[in-house]
Amino acid sequence: MATVADPTEETKEGQLDPEYAAGEAAIAAKDWPTAIRLLSSAALRDTRNADIENYLGYAYRQSRQLPPSHITNARCSSILAIAAPTSTSARRTS
């Protein structure tokens, strides 16, 4: 079963992804262009992290860039659907 990456999980070097952490700080500072740049880079390295996609979508929405926001929201939903199948799909036996 696939799992969703934990954004607080440390890398092999024992540190958080620096661009993810800086992207979160940019979100807190409402610096949307910086958040988008940093989180986009982090998302390229960690393609199964729904939290990165969620933050990225939020930054796009706040900067009034709706088409990219919809794309990141779809990726986030896809990641979560793979990680936690619904109870009805889990019950299928055919």
N, C-alpha and C. Protein backbone atom coordinates (compact mmCIF):
# COMPACT_ATOMS: atom_id res chain seq x y z
N MET A 1 0.85 -1.17 0.00
CA MET A 1 0.00 0.00 0.00
C MET A 1 0.90 1.24 0.00
N ALA A 2 0.55 2.23 -0.80
CA ALA A 2 1.31 3.48 -0.86
C ALA A 2 1.04 4.31 0.38
N THR A 3 2.02 5.09 0.76
CA THR A 3 1.85 5.97 1.91
C THR A 3 2.11 7.41 1.49
N VAL A 4 1.52 8.33 2.20
CA VAL A 4 1.74 9.75 1.96
C VAL A 4 2.98 10.16 2.73
N ALA A 5 3.85 10.91 2.08
CA ALA A 5 5.08 11.36 2.74
C ALA A 5 4.75 12.32 3.87
N ASP A 6 5.48 12.20 4.94
CA ASP A 6 5.31 13.10 6.08
C ASP A 6 6.25 14.28 5.89
N PRO A 7 5.71 15.51 5.77
CA PRO A 7 6.56 16.66 5.51
C PRO A 7 7.51 16.97 6.66
N THR A 8 7.24 16.45 7.84
CA THR A 8 8.14 16.69 8.96
C THR A 8 9.20 15.60 9.05
N GLU A 9 9.11 14.61 8.18
CA GLU A 9 10.07 13.53 8.17
C GLU A 9 11.44 14.05 7.76
N GLU A 10 12.46 13.63 8.46
CA GLU A 10 13.80 14.11 8.15
C GLU A 10 14.36 13.39 6.94
N THR A 11 15.23 14.10 6.22
CA THR A 11 15.92 13.50 5.08
C THR A 11 17.01 12.59 5.60
N LYS A 12 17.72 11.92 4.69
CA LYS A 12 18.81 11.03 5.10
C LYS A 12 19.90 11.79 5.86
N GLU A 13 20.04 13.07 5.55
CA GLU A 13 21.04 13.89 6.23
C GLU A 13 20.57 14.34 7.61
N GLY A 14 19.32 14.03 7.97
CA GLY A 14 18.80 14.38 9.27
C GLY A 14 18.17 15.76 9.34
N GLN A 15 17.87 16.35 8.18
CA GLN A 15 17.27 17.68 8.17
C GLN A 15 16.03 17.67 7.29
N LEU A 16 15.12 18.60 7.57
CA LEU A 16 13.95 18.77 6.72
C LEU A 16 14.39 19.31 5.37
N ASP A 17 13.60 19.07 4.34
CA ASP A 17 13.88 19.66 3.04
C ASP A 17 13.92 21.17 3.22
N PRO A 18 15.03 21.81 2.93
CA PRO A 18 15.14 23.25 3.20
C PRO A 18 14.17 24.10 2.39
N GLU A 19 13.87 23.68 1.16
CA GLU A 19 12.93 24.47 0.36
C GLU A 19 11.49 24.30 0.85
N TYR A 20 11.17 23.12 1.34
CA TYR A 20 9.84 22.93 1.93
C TYR A 20 9.69 23.83 3.16
N ALA A 21 10.70 23.81 4.04
CA ALA A 21 10.65 24.62 5.25
C ALA A 21 10.60 26.11 4.90
N ALA A 22 11.39 26.53 3.94
CA ALA A 22 11.39 27.95 3.53
C ALA A 22 10.06 28.30 2.86
N GLY A 23 9.48 27.35 2.14
CA GLY A 23 8.17 27.58 1.52
C GLY A 23 7.09 27.79 2.56
N GLU A 24 7.14 27.00 3.62
CA GLU A 24 6.19 27.19 4.73
C GLU A 24 6.36 28.57 5.36
N ALA A 25 7.61 28.99 5.52
CA ALA A 25 7.88 30.31 6.10
C ALA A 25 7.36 31.41 5.17
N ALA A 26 7.52 31.22 3.88
CA ALA A 26 7.02 32.20 2.91
C ALA A 26 5.49 32.28 2.96
N ILE A 27 4.83 31.13 3.16
CA ILE A 27 3.37 31.13 3.31
C ILE A 27 2.99 31.94 4.55
N ALA A 28 3.69 31.71 5.65
CA ALA A 28 3.39 32.43 6.90
C ALA A 28 3.60 33.93 6.71
N ALA A 29 4.56 34.30 5.88
CA ALA A 29 4.85 35.72 5.62
C ALA A 29 3.98 36.29 4.50
N LYS A 30 3.14 35.44 3.92
CA LYS A 30 2.27 35.82 2.80
C LYS A 30 3.07 36.32 1.59
N ASP A 31 4.24 35.71 1.40
CA ASP A 31 5.09 36.00 0.25
C ASP A 31 4.81 34.92 -0.79
N TRP A 32 3.70 35.09 -1.52
CA TRP A 32 3.20 34.05 -2.42
C TRP A 32 4.18 33.69 -3.53
N PRO A 33 4.82 34.64 -4.23
CA PRO A 33 5.75 34.25 -5.30
C PRO A 33 6.91 33.39 -4.78
N THR A 34 7.44 33.75 -3.62
CA THR A 34 8.54 32.97 -3.05
C THR A 34 8.04 31.59 -2.63
N ALA A 35 6.87 31.53 -2.02
CA ALA A 35 6.31 30.24 -1.62
C ALA A 35 6.11 29.34 -2.83
N ILE A 36 5.59 29.89 -3.92
CA ILE A 36 5.36 29.10 -5.13
C ILE A 36 6.68 28.58 -5.69
N ARG A 37 7.69 29.43 -5.74
CA ARG A 37 8.99 29.02 -6.27
C ARG A 37 9.61 27.90 -5.43
N LEU A 38 9.62 28.08 -4.12
CA LEU A 38 10.24 27.10 -3.22
C LEU A 38 9.47 25.79 -3.17
N LEU A 39 8.16 25.87 -3.05
CA LEU A 39 7.35 24.65 -2.95
C LEU A 39 7.31 23.89 -4.27
N SER A 40 7.37 24.62 -5.39
CA SER A 40 7.43 23.94 -6.70
C SER A 40 8.71 23.12 -6.80
N SER A 41 9.79 23.68 -6.34
CA SER A 41 11.07 22.97 -6.36
C SER A 41 11.02 21.75 -5.44
N ALA A 42 10.47 21.92 -4.24
CA ALA A 42 10.36 20.80 -3.30
C ALA A 42 9.45 19.71 -3.86
N ALA A 43 8.39 20.10 -4.57
CA ALA A 43 7.45 19.13 -5.14
C ALA A 43 8.11 18.28 -6.23
N LEU A 44 9.08 18.84 -6.93
CA LEU A 44 9.79 18.06 -7.95
C LEU A 44 10.61 16.94 -7.32
N ARG A 45 11.13 17.16 -6.14
CA ARG A 45 11.92 16.14 -5.45
C ARG A 45 11.05 15.14 -4.69
N ASP A 46 9.91 15.59 -4.22
CA ASP A 46 9.04 14.73 -3.40
C ASP A 46 7.65 14.71 -4.05
N THR A 47 7.50 13.83 -5.03
CA THR A 47 6.28 13.81 -5.85
C THR A 47 5.09 13.17 -5.17
N ARG A 48 5.28 12.60 -3.97
CA ARG A 48 4.18 11.94 -3.27
C ARG A 48 3.82 12.63 -1.97
N ASN A 49 4.17 13.91 -1.86
CA ASN A 49 3.90 14.65 -0.63
C ASN A 49 2.67 15.53 -0.84
N ALA A 50 1.55 15.08 -0.31
CA ALA A 50 0.30 15.82 -0.47
C ALA A 50 0.34 17.17 0.23
N ASP A 51 1.10 17.28 1.31
CA ASP A 51 1.18 18.56 2.02
C ASP A 51 1.86 19.63 1.18
N ILE A 52 2.91 19.26 0.47
CA ILE A 52 3.56 20.22 -0.42
C ILE A 52 2.56 20.69 -1.47
N GLU A 53 1.85 19.77 -2.09
CA GLU A 53 0.87 20.14 -3.12
C GLU A 53 -0.23 21.02 -2.55
N ASN A 54 -0.67 20.72 -1.33
CA ASN A 54 -1.70 21.51 -0.69
C ASN A 54 -1.22 22.94 -0.43
N TYR A 55 -0.03 23.09 0.14
CA TYR A 55 0.54 24.42 0.36
C TYR A 55 0.75 25.16 -0.95
N LEU A 56 1.22 24.45 -1.96
CA LEU A 56 1.45 25.06 -3.26
C LEU A 56 0.14 25.57 -3.86
N GLY A 57 -0.91 24.77 -3.77
CA GLY A 57 -2.22 25.19 -4.25
C GLY A 57 -2.73 26.41 -3.50
N TYR A 58 -2.50 26.44 -2.20
CA TYR A 58 -2.91 27.58 -1.39
C TYR A 58 -2.18 28.85 -1.83
N ALA A 59 -0.88 28.73 -2.06
CA ALA A 59 -0.10 29.89 -2.50
C ALA A 59 -0.58 30.38 -3.86
N TYR A 60 -0.88 29.45 -4.76
CA TYR A 60 -1.41 29.85 -6.07
C TYR A 60 -2.75 30.56 -5.91
N ARG A 61 -3.64 30.02 -5.07
CA ARG A 61 -4.94 30.66 -4.88
C ARG A 61 -4.80 32.07 -4.30
N GLN A 62 -3.92 32.22 -3.34
CA GLN A 62 -3.72 33.53 -2.72
C GLN A 62 -3.12 34.55 -3.69
N SER A 63 -2.37 34.06 -4.68
CA SER A 63 -1.80 34.97 -5.67
C SER A 63 -2.71 35.11 -6.89
N ARG A 64 -3.93 34.58 -6.78
CA ARG A 64 -4.97 34.68 -7.82
C ARG A 64 -4.61 33.93 -9.11
N GLN A 65 -3.83 32.87 -8.98
CA GLN A 65 -3.48 32.03 -10.12
C GLN A 65 -4.29 30.74 -10.01
N LEU A 66 -5.52 30.80 -10.47
CA LEU A 66 -6.43 29.68 -10.24
C LEU A 66 -6.14 28.43 -11.07
N PRO A 67 -5.79 28.52 -12.37
CA PRO A 67 -5.52 27.26 -13.08
C PRO A 67 -4.41 26.41 -12.44
N PRO A 68 -3.25 26.99 -12.07
CA PRO A 68 -2.26 26.14 -11.40
C PRO A 68 -2.75 25.62 -10.05
N SER A 69 -3.59 26.40 -9.39
CA SER A 69 -4.15 25.97 -8.11
C SER A 69 -4.98 24.71 -8.29
N HIS A 70 -5.78 24.66 -9.33
CA HIS A 70 -6.62 23.49 -9.59
C HIS A 70 -5.75 22.26 -9.89
N ILE A 71 -4.65 22.45 -10.59
CA ILE A 71 -3.76 21.34 -10.92
C ILE A 71 -3.13 20.78 -9.65
N THR A 72 -2.63 21.65 -8.78
CA THR A 72 -2.01 21.15 -7.55
C THR A 72 -3.04 20.49 -6.64
N ASN A 73 -4.26 21.01 -6.61
CA ASN A 73 -5.31 20.37 -5.81
C ASN A 73 -5.62 18.98 -6.33
N ALA A 74 -5.64 18.82 -7.64
CA ALA A 74 -5.90 17.50 -8.23
C ALA A 74 -4.77 16.53 -7.89
N ARG A 75 -3.51 17.01 -7.93
CA ARG A 75 -2.39 16.13 -7.57
C ARG A 75 -2.48 15.74 -6.10
N CYS A 76 -2.83 16.68 -5.25
CA CYS A 76 -2.98 16.39 -3.83
C CYS A 76 -4.04 15.32 -3.61
N SER A 77 -5.19 15.49 -4.25
CA SER A 77 -6.27 14.51 -4.13
C SER A 77 -5.85 13.15 -4.63
N SER A 78 -5.11 13.13 -5.72
CA SER A 78 -4.64 11.87 -6.29
C SER A 78 -3.69 11.16 -5.32
N ILE A 79 -2.79 11.91 -4.73
CA ILE A 79 -1.85 11.33 -3.76
C ILE A 79 -2.61 10.73 -2.58
N LEU A 80 -3.57 11.49 -2.08
CA LEU A 80 -4.33 11.01 -0.92
C LEU A 80 -5.20 9.81 -1.28
N ALA A 81 -5.75 9.78 -2.48
CA ALA A 81 -6.58 8.65 -2.90
C ALA A 81 -5.76 7.37 -3.01
N ILE A 82 -4.54 7.48 -3.46
CA ILE A 82 -3.67 6.32 -3.57
C ILE A 82 -3.28 5.82 -2.18
N ALA A 83 -3.03 6.76 -1.27
CA ALA A 83 -2.56 6.40 0.07
C ALA A 83 -3.67 5.81 0.93
N ALA A 84 -4.89 6.26 0.74
CA ALA A 84 -5.99 5.81 1.59
C ALA A 84 -7.22 5.52 0.73
N PRO A 85 -7.31 4.33 0.14
CA PRO A 85 -8.48 4.02 -0.68
C PRO A 85 -9.76 4.09 0.13
N THR A 86 -10.83 4.43 -0.56
CA THR A 86 -12.12 4.54 0.14
C THR A 86 -12.58 3.17 0.60
N SER A 87 -13.48 3.16 1.53
CA SER A 87 -13.96 1.90 2.07
C SER A 87 -14.72 1.09 1.02
N THR A 88 -15.39 1.76 0.07
CA THR A 88 -16.12 1.01 -0.95
C THR A 88 -15.16 0.34 -1.92
N SER A 89 -14.06 1.00 -2.28
CA SER A 89 -13.12 0.35 -3.19
C SER A 89 -12.36 -0.76 -2.48
N ALA A 90 -12.19 -0.64 -1.18
CA ALA A 90 -11.50 -1.68 -0.41
C ALA A 90 -12.36 -2.93 -0.30
N ARG A 91 -13.68 -2.78 -0.40
CA ARG A 91 -14.57 -3.93 -0.25
C ARG A 91 -14.75 -4.72 -1.53
N ARG A 92 -14.33 -4.18 -2.66
CA ARG A 92 -14.51 -4.88 -3.92
C ARG A 92 -13.73 -6.19 -3.92
N THR A 93 -14.39 -7.24 -4.36
CA THR A 93 -13.74 -8.54 -4.38
C THR A 93 -13.66 -9.13 -5.77
N SER A 94 -14.23 -8.46 -6.77
CA SER A 94 -14.20 -9.05 -8.12
C SER A 94 -12.96 -8.76 -8.87
